[in-house]
Amino acid sequence: MKRRRVLSLLKTVRKFFGEAIVVTQEVDDIIRSPIVKESIINNSDCKILLDRRKYMNKFDSIQAMLGLTDKEKAQVLSINMANSPSRKYKEVWIGLGGVQSAVYATEVSLEEYYTYTTEETEKLELFRLSERLDGNIELAIKQLAESKRNN
């Protein structure tokens, strides 16, 4: 029953020239679910993958599930392998229906970076600065970004 609902939703969205987006952090969500495989992956022309190196031992399954070529697999596994240490960016792989695929760098402003970073040392630095500014996190972000730009 769930599979039919998901498939119906995807077809309805496409009928109205929309795109359904599915996001997961767990690779097992993709590998183990027949609903994902049959309803979502088979109806998705655009696939976006982030760094999957921690799943290298499962990547053959992921490759088969997503229908990636060996070239696309190599592209995905190259993500963030040779990033410039002087820049704050991450890479992402985008595949468009087997027609085109590439790895792209995604870089945001330092203010955006410090707003969303999950690096513990950076968060601690931001929170300490925020405390000195009477809890003004927005001002702390602006000041931290400016100080990093000037270094």
N, C-alpha and C. Protein backbone atom coordinates (compact mmCIF):
# COMPACT_ATOMS: atom_id res chain seq x y z
N MET A 1 0.82 -1.20 0.00
CA MET A 1 0.00 0.00 0.00
C MET A 1 0.87 1.27 0.00
N LYS A 2 1.91 1.31 0.84
CA LYS A 2 2.77 2.48 0.91
C LYS A 2 3.43 2.75 -0.43
N ARG A 3 3.89 1.69 -1.08
CA ARG A 3 4.57 1.84 -2.36
C ARG A 3 3.67 2.52 -3.37
N ARG A 4 2.41 2.11 -3.42
CA ARG A 4 1.48 2.71 -4.38
C ARG A 4 1.25 4.18 -4.08
N ARG A 5 1.17 4.53 -2.81
CA ARG A 5 0.96 5.93 -2.44
C ARG A 5 2.16 6.78 -2.85
N VAL A 6 3.35 6.28 -2.57
CA VAL A 6 4.56 7.02 -2.92
C VAL A 6 4.65 7.17 -4.44
N LEU A 7 4.43 6.09 -5.16
CA LEU A 7 4.48 6.14 -6.62
C LEU A 7 3.43 7.10 -7.17
N SER A 8 2.23 7.07 -6.61
CA SER A 8 1.15 7.97 -7.04
C SER A 8 1.54 9.42 -6.78
N LEU A 9 2.12 9.68 -5.63
CA LEU A 9 2.57 11.03 -5.30
C LEU A 9 3.62 11.52 -6.31
N LEU A 10 4.59 10.68 -6.60
CA LEU A 10 5.64 11.05 -7.55
C LEU A 10 5.07 11.34 -8.93
N LYS A 11 4.17 10.50 -9.38
CA LYS A 11 3.58 10.70 -10.71
C LYS A 11 2.73 11.96 -10.75
N THR A 12 2.00 12.22 -9.67
CA THR A 12 1.17 13.42 -9.61
C THR A 12 2.03 14.68 -9.64
N VAL A 13 3.10 14.68 -8.87
CA VAL A 13 4.00 15.83 -8.84
C VAL A 13 4.58 16.08 -10.23
N ARG A 14 5.03 15.01 -10.89
CA ARG A 14 5.61 15.16 -12.24
C ARG A 14 4.58 15.64 -13.24
N LYS A 15 3.33 15.19 -13.08
CA LYS A 15 2.26 15.59 -13.99
C LYS A 15 2.05 17.11 -13.96
N PHE A 16 2.30 17.72 -12.81
CA PHE A 16 2.15 19.16 -12.67
C PHE A 16 3.49 19.89 -12.78
N PHE A 17 4.46 19.24 -13.44
CA PHE A 17 5.78 19.80 -13.72
C PHE A 17 6.56 20.15 -12.44
N GLY A 18 6.31 19.39 -11.40
CA GLY A 18 7.02 19.59 -10.15
C GLY A 18 8.08 18.52 -9.96
N GLU A 19 8.81 18.64 -8.88
CA GLU A 19 9.82 17.66 -8.53
C GLU A 19 9.69 17.31 -7.07
N ALA A 20 9.62 16.03 -6.77
CA ALA A 20 9.63 15.57 -5.39
C ALA A 20 11.08 15.42 -4.96
N ILE A 21 11.35 15.77 -3.73
CA ILE A 21 12.71 15.68 -3.22
C ILE A 21 12.72 14.76 -2.02
N VAL A 22 13.62 13.81 -2.04
CA VAL A 22 13.78 12.88 -0.94
C VAL A 22 15.19 13.05 -0.41
N VAL A 23 15.32 13.24 0.92
CA VAL A 23 16.62 13.44 1.54
C VAL A 23 16.78 12.43 2.65
N THR A 24 17.96 11.81 2.71
CA THR A 24 18.24 10.89 3.81
C THR A 24 19.72 10.99 4.18
N GLN A 25 20.02 10.76 5.44
CA GLN A 25 21.41 10.73 5.88
C GLN A 25 21.90 9.31 6.01
N GLU A 26 21.02 8.36 6.06
CA GLU A 26 21.40 6.96 6.25
C GLU A 26 21.36 6.21 4.92
N VAL A 27 22.48 5.68 4.53
CA VAL A 27 22.55 4.96 3.27
C VAL A 27 21.66 3.71 3.29
N ASP A 28 21.44 3.14 4.47
CA ASP A 28 20.57 1.96 4.57
C ASP A 28 19.13 2.29 4.20
N ASP A 29 18.71 3.55 4.36
CA ASP A 29 17.38 3.95 3.92
C ASP A 29 17.23 3.71 2.43
N ILE A 30 18.32 3.90 1.70
CA ILE A 30 18.30 3.72 0.25
C ILE A 30 18.42 2.25 -0.11
N ILE A 31 19.34 1.56 0.51
CA ILE A 31 19.64 0.19 0.13
C ILE A 31 18.53 -0.79 0.50
N ARG A 32 17.96 -0.64 1.67
CA ARG A 32 17.05 -1.67 2.20
C ARG A 32 15.59 -1.49 1.84
N SER A 33 15.17 -0.34 1.41
CA SER A 33 13.74 -0.09 1.22
C SER A 33 13.28 -0.37 -0.21
N PRO A 34 12.41 -1.35 -0.39
CA PRO A 34 11.87 -1.58 -1.74
C PRO A 34 11.03 -0.41 -2.22
N ILE A 35 10.44 0.34 -1.29
CA ILE A 35 9.65 1.52 -1.66
C ILE A 35 10.55 2.56 -2.30
N VAL A 36 11.70 2.78 -1.68
CA VAL A 36 12.66 3.74 -2.24
C VAL A 36 13.13 3.28 -3.60
N LYS A 37 13.53 2.02 -3.66
CA LYS A 37 14.07 1.50 -4.91
C LYS A 37 13.06 1.56 -6.05
N GLU A 38 11.89 1.03 -5.82
CA GLU A 38 10.92 0.89 -6.91
C GLU A 38 10.17 2.18 -7.21
N SER A 39 9.88 2.96 -6.20
CA SER A 39 9.05 4.14 -6.40
C SER A 39 9.83 5.42 -6.62
N ILE A 40 10.90 5.58 -5.89
CA ILE A 40 11.60 6.86 -5.93
C ILE A 40 12.77 6.83 -6.91
N ILE A 41 13.67 5.90 -6.74
CA ILE A 41 14.88 5.88 -7.57
C ILE A 41 14.54 5.67 -9.04
N ASN A 42 13.63 4.76 -9.34
CA ASN A 42 13.27 4.49 -10.73
C ASN A 42 12.58 5.67 -11.40
N ASN A 43 12.06 6.61 -10.61
CA ASN A 43 11.37 7.77 -11.16
C ASN A 43 12.16 9.06 -10.97
N SER A 44 13.44 8.95 -10.67
CA SER A 44 14.27 10.14 -10.41
C SER A 44 15.34 10.28 -11.48
N ASP A 45 15.24 11.36 -12.23
CA ASP A 45 16.28 11.64 -13.22
C ASP A 45 17.47 12.34 -12.58
N CYS A 46 17.22 13.18 -11.61
CA CYS A 46 18.28 13.95 -10.97
C CYS A 46 18.62 13.32 -9.62
N LYS A 47 19.90 13.04 -9.44
CA LYS A 47 20.37 12.49 -8.17
C LYS A 47 21.50 13.38 -7.66
N ILE A 48 21.47 13.67 -6.37
CA ILE A 48 22.48 14.51 -5.74
C ILE A 48 23.05 13.73 -4.57
N LEU A 49 24.36 13.55 -4.56
CA LEU A 49 25.02 12.81 -3.49
C LEU A 49 26.13 13.66 -2.87
N LEU A 50 26.23 13.56 -1.56
CA LEU A 50 27.31 14.20 -0.82
C LEU A 50 28.40 13.16 -0.58
N ASP A 51 29.35 13.49 0.25
CA ASP A 51 30.48 12.62 0.53
C ASP A 51 30.02 11.26 1.05
N ARG A 52 30.33 10.19 0.33
CA ARG A 52 29.92 8.83 0.68
C ARG A 52 31.09 7.94 1.04
N ARG A 53 32.28 8.51 1.28
CA ARG A 53 33.46 7.68 1.51
C ARG A 53 33.31 6.77 2.72
N LYS A 54 32.56 7.19 3.73
CA LYS A 54 32.42 6.32 4.90
C LYS A 54 31.59 5.07 4.58
N TYR A 55 30.96 5.06 3.42
CA TYR A 55 30.19 3.89 2.98
C TYR A 55 30.88 3.13 1.85
N MET A 56 32.20 3.30 1.72
CA MET A 56 32.92 2.67 0.62
C MET A 56 32.69 1.16 0.57
N ASN A 57 32.60 0.53 1.73
CA ASN A 57 32.41 -0.93 1.74
C ASN A 57 31.00 -1.32 1.29
N LYS A 58 30.07 -0.38 1.24
CA LYS A 58 28.70 -0.64 0.77
C LYS A 58 28.44 -0.01 -0.59
N PHE A 59 29.47 0.62 -1.16
CA PHE A 59 29.19 1.44 -2.34
C PHE A 59 28.81 0.64 -3.57
N ASP A 60 29.23 -0.60 -3.66
CA ASP A 60 28.79 -1.42 -4.80
C ASP A 60 27.27 -1.57 -4.78
N SER A 61 26.70 -1.75 -3.59
CA SER A 61 25.24 -1.83 -3.45
C SER A 61 24.58 -0.51 -3.81
N ILE A 62 25.18 0.58 -3.36
CA ILE A 62 24.64 1.90 -3.67
C ILE A 62 24.71 2.15 -5.17
N GLN A 63 25.84 1.81 -5.78
CA GLN A 63 26.01 2.00 -7.21
C GLN A 63 24.95 1.22 -7.98
N ALA A 64 24.74 -0.03 -7.60
CA ALA A 64 23.74 -0.85 -8.29
C ALA A 64 22.33 -0.28 -8.08
N MET A 65 22.03 0.11 -6.85
CA MET A 65 20.71 0.64 -6.53
C MET A 65 20.40 1.90 -7.32
N LEU A 66 21.37 2.80 -7.41
CA LEU A 66 21.17 4.07 -8.09
C LEU A 66 21.42 3.99 -9.59
N GLY A 67 21.93 2.86 -10.04
CA GLY A 67 22.21 2.71 -11.47
C GLY A 67 23.35 3.60 -11.94
N LEU A 68 24.37 3.76 -11.11
CA LEU A 68 25.51 4.61 -11.47
C LEU A 68 26.50 3.85 -12.33
N THR A 69 27.09 4.53 -13.28
CA THR A 69 28.15 3.94 -14.09
C THR A 69 29.43 3.91 -13.25
N ASP A 70 30.45 3.21 -13.75
CA ASP A 70 31.74 3.21 -13.05
C ASP A 70 32.34 4.61 -12.99
N LYS A 71 32.15 5.39 -14.05
CA LYS A 71 32.65 6.78 -14.07
C LYS A 71 31.94 7.60 -12.99
N GLU A 72 30.61 7.45 -12.87
CA GLU A 72 29.86 8.19 -11.86
C GLU A 72 30.27 7.75 -10.45
N LYS A 73 30.50 6.46 -10.27
CA LYS A 73 30.96 5.95 -8.97
C LYS A 73 32.29 6.62 -8.60
N ALA A 74 33.22 6.67 -9.56
CA ALA A 74 34.52 7.30 -9.31
C ALA A 74 34.35 8.77 -8.96
N GLN A 75 33.44 9.45 -9.64
CA GLN A 75 33.18 10.86 -9.34
C GLN A 75 32.68 11.02 -7.90
N VAL A 76 31.71 10.21 -7.51
CA VAL A 76 31.14 10.30 -6.16
C VAL A 76 32.21 10.03 -5.11
N LEU A 77 33.03 9.02 -5.34
CA LEU A 77 34.06 8.67 -4.35
C LEU A 77 35.22 9.66 -4.32
N SER A 78 35.27 10.57 -5.30
CA SER A 78 36.32 11.60 -5.30
C SER A 78 35.91 12.85 -4.52
N ILE A 79 34.67 12.91 -4.09
CA ILE A 79 34.17 14.11 -3.41
C ILE A 79 35.02 14.43 -2.18
N ASN A 80 35.40 15.69 -2.07
CA ASN A 80 36.17 16.24 -0.94
C ASN A 80 37.54 15.60 -0.72
N MET A 81 38.07 14.94 -1.73
CA MET A 81 39.37 14.28 -1.58
C MET A 81 40.54 15.25 -1.79
N ALA A 82 40.34 16.31 -2.55
CA ALA A 82 41.45 17.22 -2.84
C ALA A 82 41.03 18.68 -2.67
N ASN A 83 40.24 18.95 -1.66
CA ASN A 83 39.78 20.32 -1.43
C ASN A 83 40.94 21.23 -1.03
N SER A 84 40.85 22.48 -1.45
CA SER A 84 41.86 23.47 -1.10
C SER A 84 41.70 23.85 0.37
N PRO A 85 42.76 23.73 1.17
CA PRO A 85 42.64 24.06 2.59
C PRO A 85 42.42 25.55 2.86
N SER A 86 42.66 26.38 1.86
CA SER A 86 42.51 27.83 2.05
C SER A 86 41.07 28.30 1.87
N ARG A 87 40.17 27.40 1.44
CA ARG A 87 38.77 27.79 1.21
C ARG A 87 37.84 26.91 2.03
N LYS A 88 36.69 27.48 2.42
CA LYS A 88 35.66 26.74 3.17
C LYS A 88 34.58 26.32 2.18
N TYR A 89 34.73 25.12 1.62
CA TYR A 89 33.72 24.62 0.70
C TYR A 89 33.64 23.11 0.81
N LYS A 90 32.54 22.58 0.34
CA LYS A 90 32.33 21.14 0.25
C LYS A 90 31.93 20.84 -1.17
N GLU A 91 32.13 19.59 -1.55
CA GLU A 91 31.76 19.20 -2.90
C GLU A 91 30.50 18.34 -2.88
N VAL A 92 29.82 18.34 -4.01
CA VAL A 92 28.59 17.59 -4.18
C VAL A 92 28.58 17.01 -5.59
N TRP A 93 28.04 15.80 -5.73
CA TRP A 93 27.91 15.17 -7.04
C TRP A 93 26.47 15.32 -7.51
N ILE A 94 26.31 15.73 -8.76
CA ILE A 94 24.98 15.84 -9.35
C ILE A 94 24.97 15.02 -10.63
N GLY A 95 24.02 14.10 -10.71
CA GLY A 95 23.84 13.28 -11.90
C GLY A 95 22.48 13.57 -12.51
N LEU A 96 22.45 13.81 -13.79
CA LEU A 96 21.21 14.15 -14.49
C LEU A 96 20.82 13.03 -15.45
N GLY A 97 20.12 12.04 -14.93
CA GLY A 97 19.53 10.99 -15.74
C GLY A 97 20.49 10.21 -16.61
N GLY A 98 21.71 10.03 -16.17
CA GLY A 98 22.67 9.28 -16.96
C GLY A 98 23.23 10.04 -18.15
N VAL A 99 22.77 11.27 -18.36
CA VAL A 99 23.20 12.08 -19.50
C VAL A 99 24.43 12.90 -19.15
N GLN A 100 24.44 13.46 -17.94
CA GLN A 100 25.55 14.30 -17.52
C GLN A 100 25.70 14.15 -16.01
N SER A 101 26.94 14.16 -15.57
CA SER A 101 27.22 14.14 -14.14
C SER A 101 28.56 14.81 -13.88
N ALA A 102 28.67 15.41 -12.70
CA ALA A 102 29.91 16.09 -12.34
C ALA A 102 29.92 16.37 -10.84
N VAL A 103 31.11 16.66 -10.35
CA VAL A 103 31.30 17.08 -8.97
C VAL A 103 31.44 18.60 -8.97
N TYR A 104 30.68 19.24 -8.09
CA TYR A 104 30.68 20.70 -8.00
C TYR A 104 31.08 21.13 -6.60
N ALA A 105 31.80 22.25 -6.51
CA ALA A 105 32.13 22.83 -5.21
C ALA A 105 30.99 23.75 -4.80
N THR A 106 30.59 23.65 -3.55
CA THR A 106 29.56 24.56 -3.03
C THR A 106 30.21 25.39 -1.93
N GLU A 107 30.21 26.69 -2.14
CA GLU A 107 30.87 27.59 -1.21
C GLU A 107 29.90 28.69 -0.82
N VAL A 108 29.81 28.94 0.46
CA VAL A 108 28.93 29.99 0.97
C VAL A 108 29.77 31.08 1.61
N SER A 109 29.14 32.18 1.92
CA SER A 109 29.85 33.26 2.62
C SER A 109 30.30 32.75 3.98
N LEU A 110 31.27 33.42 4.57
CA LEU A 110 31.72 33.03 5.91
C LEU A 110 30.59 33.17 6.93
N GLU A 111 29.73 34.16 6.75
CA GLU A 111 28.59 34.32 7.67
C GLU A 111 27.68 33.09 7.59
N GLU A 112 27.38 32.64 6.38
CA GLU A 112 26.56 31.44 6.24
C GLU A 112 27.28 30.22 6.79
N TYR A 113 28.57 30.14 6.51
CA TYR A 113 29.34 29.00 6.99
C TYR A 113 29.27 28.91 8.51
N TYR A 114 29.52 30.01 9.20
CA TYR A 114 29.53 29.98 10.67
C TYR A 114 28.12 29.85 11.25
N THR A 115 27.11 30.19 10.49
CA THR A 115 25.74 29.98 10.95
C THR A 115 25.41 28.50 11.01
N TYR A 116 25.91 27.72 10.04
CA TYR A 116 25.49 26.32 9.92
C TYR A 116 26.57 25.29 10.22
N THR A 117 27.78 25.71 10.53
CA THR A 117 28.84 24.74 10.76
C THR A 117 28.48 23.79 11.90
N THR A 118 28.94 22.56 11.77
CA THR A 118 28.75 21.59 12.85
C THR A 118 30.09 21.21 13.48
N GLU A 119 31.16 21.89 13.05
CA GLU A 119 32.48 21.64 13.62
C GLU A 119 32.49 22.15 15.06
N GLU A 120 32.77 21.27 16.00
CA GLU A 120 32.66 21.62 17.43
C GLU A 120 33.55 22.79 17.83
N THR A 121 34.79 22.81 17.36
CA THR A 121 35.70 23.89 17.75
C THR A 121 35.19 25.24 17.24
N GLU A 122 34.63 25.25 16.04
CA GLU A 122 34.10 26.50 15.49
C GLU A 122 32.85 26.95 16.24
N LYS A 123 32.00 26.00 16.59
CA LYS A 123 30.80 26.33 17.36
C LYS A 123 31.17 26.89 18.73
N LEU A 124 32.15 26.27 19.38
CA LEU A 124 32.58 26.75 20.70
C LEU A 124 33.13 28.17 20.60
N GLU A 125 33.92 28.42 19.58
CA GLU A 125 34.47 29.77 19.37
C GLU A 125 33.33 30.78 19.18
N LEU A 126 32.35 30.40 18.39
CA LEU A 126 31.20 31.26 18.13
C LEU A 126 30.40 31.51 19.41
N PHE A 127 30.14 30.47 20.19
CA PHE A 127 29.37 30.61 21.41
C PHE A 127 30.10 31.46 22.46
N ARG A 128 31.42 31.30 22.55
CA ARG A 128 32.20 32.12 23.49
C ARG A 128 32.10 33.60 23.10
N LEU A 129 32.23 33.88 21.81
CA LEU A 129 32.12 35.26 21.34
C LEU A 129 30.71 35.79 21.59
N SER A 130 29.71 34.98 21.34
CA SER A 130 28.32 35.37 21.57
C SER A 130 28.09 35.73 23.04
N GLU A 131 28.67 34.96 23.96
CA GLU A 131 28.52 35.25 25.39
C GLU A 131 29.12 36.61 25.72
N ARG A 132 30.27 36.93 25.12
CA ARG A 132 30.90 38.24 25.37
C ARG A 132 30.07 39.38 24.78
N LEU A 133 29.18 39.05 23.84
CA LEU A 133 28.32 40.06 23.20
C LEU A 133 26.89 39.98 23.73
N ASP A 134 26.74 39.58 24.98
CA ASP A 134 25.43 39.49 25.66
C ASP A 134 24.46 38.57 24.92
N GLY A 135 24.98 37.50 24.36
CA GLY A 135 24.12 36.50 23.72
C GLY A 135 23.70 36.84 22.30
N ASN A 136 24.27 37.89 21.71
CA ASN A 136 23.89 38.30 20.36
C ASN A 136 24.62 37.42 19.34
N ILE A 137 23.98 36.31 18.97
CA ILE A 137 24.61 35.34 18.06
C ILE A 137 24.81 35.92 16.67
N GLU A 138 23.88 36.75 16.22
CA GLU A 138 24.02 37.34 14.89
C GLU A 138 25.25 38.24 14.81
N LEU A 139 25.44 39.05 15.82
CA LEU A 139 26.63 39.91 15.85
C LEU A 139 27.89 39.07 15.99
N ALA A 140 27.83 38.01 16.77
CA ALA A 140 28.99 37.12 16.93
C ALA A 140 29.36 36.49 15.59
N ILE A 141 28.38 36.07 14.84
CA ILE A 141 28.64 35.48 13.51
C ILE A 141 29.32 36.51 12.61
N LYS A 142 28.78 37.72 12.60
CA LYS A 142 29.35 38.78 11.75
C LYS A 142 30.80 39.09 12.15
N GLN A 143 31.05 39.19 13.44
CA GLN A 143 32.40 39.51 13.91
C GLN A 143 33.38 38.37 13.64
N LEU A 144 32.93 37.15 13.86
CA LEU A 144 33.80 36.00 13.61
C LEU A 144 34.16 35.89 12.14
N ALA A 145 33.17 36.06 11.30
CA ALA A 145 33.42 36.02 9.85
C ALA A 145 34.39 37.11 9.42
N GLU A 146 34.18 38.30 9.94
CA GLU A 146 35.06 39.42 9.60
C GLU A 146 36.49 39.16 10.08
N SER A 147 36.64 38.63 11.29
CA SER A 147 37.99 38.36 11.81
C SER A 147 38.68 37.28 10.98
N LYS A 148 37.94 36.28 10.51
CA LYS A 148 38.54 35.23 9.67
C LYS A 148 38.92 35.77 8.30
N ARG A 149 38.12 36.69 7.78
CA ARG A 149 38.43 37.29 6.48
C ARG A 149 39.71 38.11 6.55
N ASN A 150 39.95 38.73 7.69
CA ASN A 150 41.11 39.61 7.85
C ASN A 150 42.39 38.85 8.21
N ASN A 151 42.28 37.57 8.49
CA ASN A 151 43.48 36.79 8.84
C ASN A 151 44.19 36.26 7.64
